[in-house]
Structures are given as structure tokens and as C-alpha cells.
Amino acid sequence: MNVQDVLPKMSKLYLNRIVDSFLKDVKLNDEDEMREVILKNIEEFQNKDRVTRNLNFLEEYRDIALLNEMILMSLLENEGYVLEESILLQNVEQLEDQIVKDSLEDEFIKNTISEDYCRIYSSVLSAAWKKDEALNAHETNMLTVLRQELELTKRDHYIIESRLGRFPQKGNKPHSHRQIEKALRNLQSRGLILRFKSDAAYYIIPSELARIIRYELGGELRKATYESLLNDLTKNHLKHILSQCYLNSSGVKEILVSRILKHNILPSKALDTFSNDELKEILKELEGVRITGTKNERISNIIDYYENLSGKNISDPEDERSLYFDYFEDLAARNLKRLRVNKVIDKDLEAEKYFEEATRYIFEVKLGLELVHMPGSKHADGKIKFNDKNETILWDNKSVEKEYNFPDEHFDQFLKYIRANDNRVTLFLIITSWISPDAISKAQKLKAFSETDTDVALVSAEDLKYVAEYWKDYSTKKEPEFNLQVLNYTGELTRSILKDRMSWSL
């Protein structure tokens, strides 16, 4: 979700925290004014230098600094970077608990951290802790430098700290909910996360900040996205990565992927094990990605490709169908890989089902229309009452990987739907991905064969989504209502035609 999507759901207290996080001299009491000021200064809010500066927790108490990172890591791992408050608290607890458990596995430590580096870092970390039972900013900074020199990750630091009995707290004591909630307030005051409430309280990293935060924290890809990258590599690629990291490289492909993930080998480190020519061959398999460049540039291109595969965010956590709406164009075009990477579907067959769910969400939630229930299964995908004259609109979803050409079996199918309806169908709407010229001709033919002067329109998922998101901007009414005349047309409802019809009908 973008900031502008979250602001209407935020109350005065939480809006004020965000305003204070980057506009220190601005004092407002009205919620609408706060929202307006935030949006007017959105460039400053999402400024990389501001975000990076506020990710520096050196001067914070150690528990707050640690929990800030745990909270951000938990949110970054979740689709849309959003979690219900109660689930977020659980995730932070589980993340801390998993680090403690990993620190107790000698074999895991042996295969993850160099024995010499572990010994050196443990000695320095232990000395820093013993000095005054705390780590000050100077000591934390020195440990960061040492960690970079030894090529240890922040997670390696926590694991070694846990082995010393200092993580999450002294004696490996977990943090309480009250401590986590205090850190949540700290992150809000830094303008890094937002809190909003609907049926429950939610915390979110706005999409404008997510990428910056991810890279600053060293988490280059979400686990699910990284897993997709690894699954796209060959078994020999995976064996090579593991052997170069001195790990067991035997087993089936699924085992190799899980082993790389378990040992937290960063995507950049995994890809760095390949030669520049090998990276070039990997890039050739990725559509629309620049192949040329230095080795580091090629590694970044691969990571960016998979990052962009999962670049969208859930627009409405209150309605699970909003996820399908966010991926509406991908469902229509059957972009199965992208849908699987982002956990929209588990099975290919679900693409058509969720395409239909997303369309119902558009008409019911985005356009504010009441759907008409249709008994049985031999009917169009959806039905809406058109007017008070007992006329209706039917629609049907057709997801296609290529152009939709309106095959004869669909013509016969739609004609049956029109004729079997219990009242006049004023419009039959076909929602698909790409529309061929042949399909437009078939739409005109179906209107003629309907014998009820039924308009037959075709619209791409991209253009219907545009209507769903922007139709209110075409109305001058304080509380606008969607007019179905926008869609009542025969032929292809292109973006320009839709804009024109919204300009005079709303």
C-alpha cells in the first residue's frame, strides 16, 4: 500500500507521529490537514537520505534498536509489508526464538560461520558486553566495522550474541509485548512504519520506503522471492553455490534450495559465486532484463528482476480479494510465474478462479454496485441489475496468455447465457487481457444474434482496473455513484473510450 492508501485509515494520534517524523515545526490539530500536509510533502517523506538516516539506531537503547530491526524484518518478509498487530507481535517473538534455536546447533554454526571468524568476533563481542553490561554507540559501530571485515551478517551477530547468553536479552530472555510495542512507537516516530485501524490494528511499511529499508537492512529479497530465484536455477547451479560456501551439495534440488535458505546465503553472495559469463547466461533466461554490464551490475540486474516480480503491495488488508485485484492484469494474462512468486496462487487452476473473484471485488467494492445471485453453475460469471426497468448486465472472465480472439465456442456459450437470462440483458461484458480485431467483429455479431439488442463489450483487465481506481475523479458530486452507462457499449472499451464515457456520464 502507498502512503495515500493508508492515510484515510489513520487516526489523529498516528497521523501526528508521522507529521512529527519529518516536519518538526508543523503543528496541526485537524486530521484532514495532517493528511494533506503529508501528501504535499511526500517527496521529503520518501527521501532516501531521510529514510537511511532514521534507520540509524546507534543512539537508541539496545533493546529498542534490536526490536526495531526485528519488527522491520518481520514486516519485510510479509506480502505487502503489512501485518495485523497481534500477528506482528507473534512474528517478532518467533524470529527471536528461531535465532536462539539456531545458535544452539553446533553443526549449523560450523556450516554457517567460519570457525576462526566466529572465535574472533565472539571474543570482541564478549569483551564489549563485559565492560559495563551494555553496548554503547561507539562499541556498536566498531562491531559493525569488524563484522563487515569478517563478512558476517547481522543475523550472524545475533547468533553469536545468543551463544554468549545476550540475545534477545541477558540470559536469552525474550522481549515482552510491552517492549515490542515501545519499539513500534519508536519506528512510527521515525516515519518508517504506519499504524492504521479497521476491524483490527495493522502496521505497514509504505511501499515508497520498503525497497530502501530492505537494502539498508541487508535483506535483498523476500524469502519467497529468493526461493523462486533459486528454483529457476539449475541443480548444478545450486550445487555450485553450496560447494563455494563449503556446504554439503548433495541431494535433490528441493533439498539444495532449502539448504541455501537455511544457511542465509544472501542472493548477492550466491550469485557472486558465478563467473560473469555464467551470470550472462542466467540473465538470458529473464525476460526484459539488461544482459550487459559488469559482474556487480549483472548481479544487481538479476536481483532487481526478482524484486520487481514481487513489487506490488496489498491495497486493502481488510478484504482478501484485494490481493487478486492488485494482480488483476497478471490473472487476466495468466502470468503464472509472477502469481506463484507473490503467493497469489498455489496451483495454475486458481488463476481463473481468482480472476473472477477480483472482478466481483471491482464491481462490489470499487464501484459500489450490488451483485445479483445466480443459482446453479451454468451461467455467466457475474450479474448486476442495470436499471429499474428489470434489465441486467452479465459479464464473463476469459484469461488468456495471447490475444483473445473470441472463439466460436465462446460465442455459442455467451448467446445461451443471454437467451437463458430471466430478463433482458442490456450489456454482455467480456473481461480479458489482450483483444484481437476478430474479437471486436464477433462482439458486433453477437449483438445482432442476441435478438434483444444486447450490447457486447470487450475490456482489458488493465483498462477496467483504471476505471475502478479513477472513476470518482471524473465526478463533481460529493458522494458520486457509478453509472453503468460507462460500460454500455458494443466493441472494445479502450482507455480513451472509457475516459470519454466517464467524462459525460459521471
Foldseek 3Di string as FASTA:
>chain_A
DAPLLFLVQADDVLLVLLCCQQPVPDDDDDSVVSSVVCVVCVCSLLPLVLLLVLLDCQQPFLLLNVLLLLLQVQLLQDFQSKDFPVVSLVSSQVVLVVLLVCLVDPVLCVLQAPPVLLVVLLVLVVVQCVPPNGHHSVSVVVSVVSCVVRVHAVSSVQSSCSNVCCPPHRNNDDDDPVSSVVSVSSCSSNSQWGWGDDPGIMIGGHLSHSCSVCVSNPNLHHLLLVLLLLVLDDLVLLLLLQVVSVHDSDDDSVVSSVVCVSSPQHLLSSQVSDDLVVLLVSVVVQPPFDRDDDSSVSSVRSSVSSCVLSSDRQSDPVDPLSVLLRCLLCLQQLVVSSCVSSVVDDDSVCSQVSNLSNVCCLVCPLQVFDWDDDPDDLAASTKGQQDPVREIEGEHEDRHNDADQCDPVNLVSVLCRQVPDPDHHQEYEYEHAHHDPNNLVSQVVSCVVSVRNHAYEYEYSVLSSVCSVCLVVLDPDPDDHDHCQLVRHRGYCDNVSSVVSSNPPD
